[in-house]
């Protein structure tokens, strides 16, 4: 009769499958030149003619401090 009490076999198969996929991905990256090639960077020059905002008003003057009575 087969031993159905142990449950290590599905976990072992999952682990070995994951390792196999990782090895395949690493091999594919190494075979393709060591990485993913990025597209050439593009240069964009933006020139906006924006009017200057109006000047801010002066801040209000605070009142003079009166000394406290002694």
Protein backbone atom coordinates (compact mmCIF):
# COMPACT_ATOMS: atom_id res chain seq x y z
CA UNK A 1 0.00 0.00 0.00
CA UNK A 2 1.21 3.53 -0.75
CA UNK A 3 2.21 5.84 2.07
CA UNK A 4 -0.28 8.73 1.94
CA UNK A 5 0.62 10.24 5.31
CA UNK A 6 3.60 12.31 4.15
CA UNK A 7 2.93 15.63 2.46
CA UNK A 8 6.49 16.62 1.66
CA UNK A 9 6.30 15.61 -2.00
CA UNK A 10 4.04 18.47 -3.23
CA UNK A 11 6.17 21.06 -1.41
CA UNK A 12 9.33 19.54 -2.77
CA UNK A 13 7.91 19.61 -6.32
CA UNK A 14 6.85 23.25 -5.84
CA UNK A 15 10.31 24.20 -4.58
CA UNK A 16 12.14 22.39 -7.38
CA UNK A 17 9.79 23.92 -9.98
CA UNK A 18 10.41 27.41 -8.60
CA UNK A 19 14.15 26.88 -8.68
CA UNK A 20 13.93 25.62 -12.25
CA UNK A 21 11.99 28.70 -13.34
CA UNK A 22 14.55 30.95 -11.58
CA UNK A 23 17.45 29.21 -13.34
CA UNK A 24 15.72 29.56 -16.71
CA UNK A 25 15.08 33.29 -16.16
CA UNK A 26 18.68 33.90 -15.05
CA UNK A 27 19.98 31.96 -18.05
CA UNK A 28 17.77 33.92 -20.42
CA UNK A 29 19.01 37.23 -19.01
CA UNK A 30 22.64 36.15 -19.21
CA UNK A 31 22.18 34.84 -22.76
CA UNK A 32 20.58 38.08 -23.93
CA UNK A 33 23.60 40.16 -22.93
CA UNK A 34 23.31 40.54 -19.20
CA UNK A 35 20.24 42.71 -18.95
CA UNK A 36 17.36 44.40 -20.62
CA UNK A 37 18.38 47.08 -23.08
CA UNK A 38 16.79 50.47 -22.59
CA UNK A 39 15.69 52.67 -25.47
CA UNK A 40 17.82 55.66 -26.38
CA UNK A 41 17.02 58.69 -24.21
CA UNK A 42 15.13 61.45 -25.97
CA UNK A 43 15.81 65.12 -25.46
CA UNK A 44 12.90 67.50 -25.04
CA UNK A 45 13.33 71.28 -24.98
CA UNK A 46 10.33 73.22 -23.69
CA UNK A 47 10.25 77.00 -23.86
CA UNK A 48 7.21 78.64 -22.24
CA UNK A 49 6.60 82.37 -22.37
CA UNK A 50 4.77 82.97 -19.12
CA UNK A 51 4.01 86.50 -17.91
CA UNK A 52 5.40 87.56 -14.55
CA UNK A 53 2.90 87.48 -11.70
CA UNK A 54 1.97 90.79 -10.06
CA UNK A 55 4.15 91.94 -7.17
CA UNK A 56 2.98 91.06 -3.69
CA UNK A 57 1.88 93.90 -1.43
CA UNK A 58 4.07 94.90 1.49
CA UNK A 59 3.44 93.07 4.74
CA UNK A 60 1.49 94.99 7.36
CA UNK A 61 3.53 96.77 10.03
CA UNK A 62 3.08 95.30 13.49
CA UNK A 63 2.22 97.68 16.31
CA UNK A 64 4.93 98.74 18.71
CA UNK A 65 5.21 96.63 21.84
CA UNK A 66 4.21 98.45 25.00
CA UNK A 67 6.23 97.32 28.04
CA UNK A 68 4.25 95.64 30.76
CA UNK A 69 3.61 97.65 33.96
CA UNK A 70 5.80 96.81 36.94
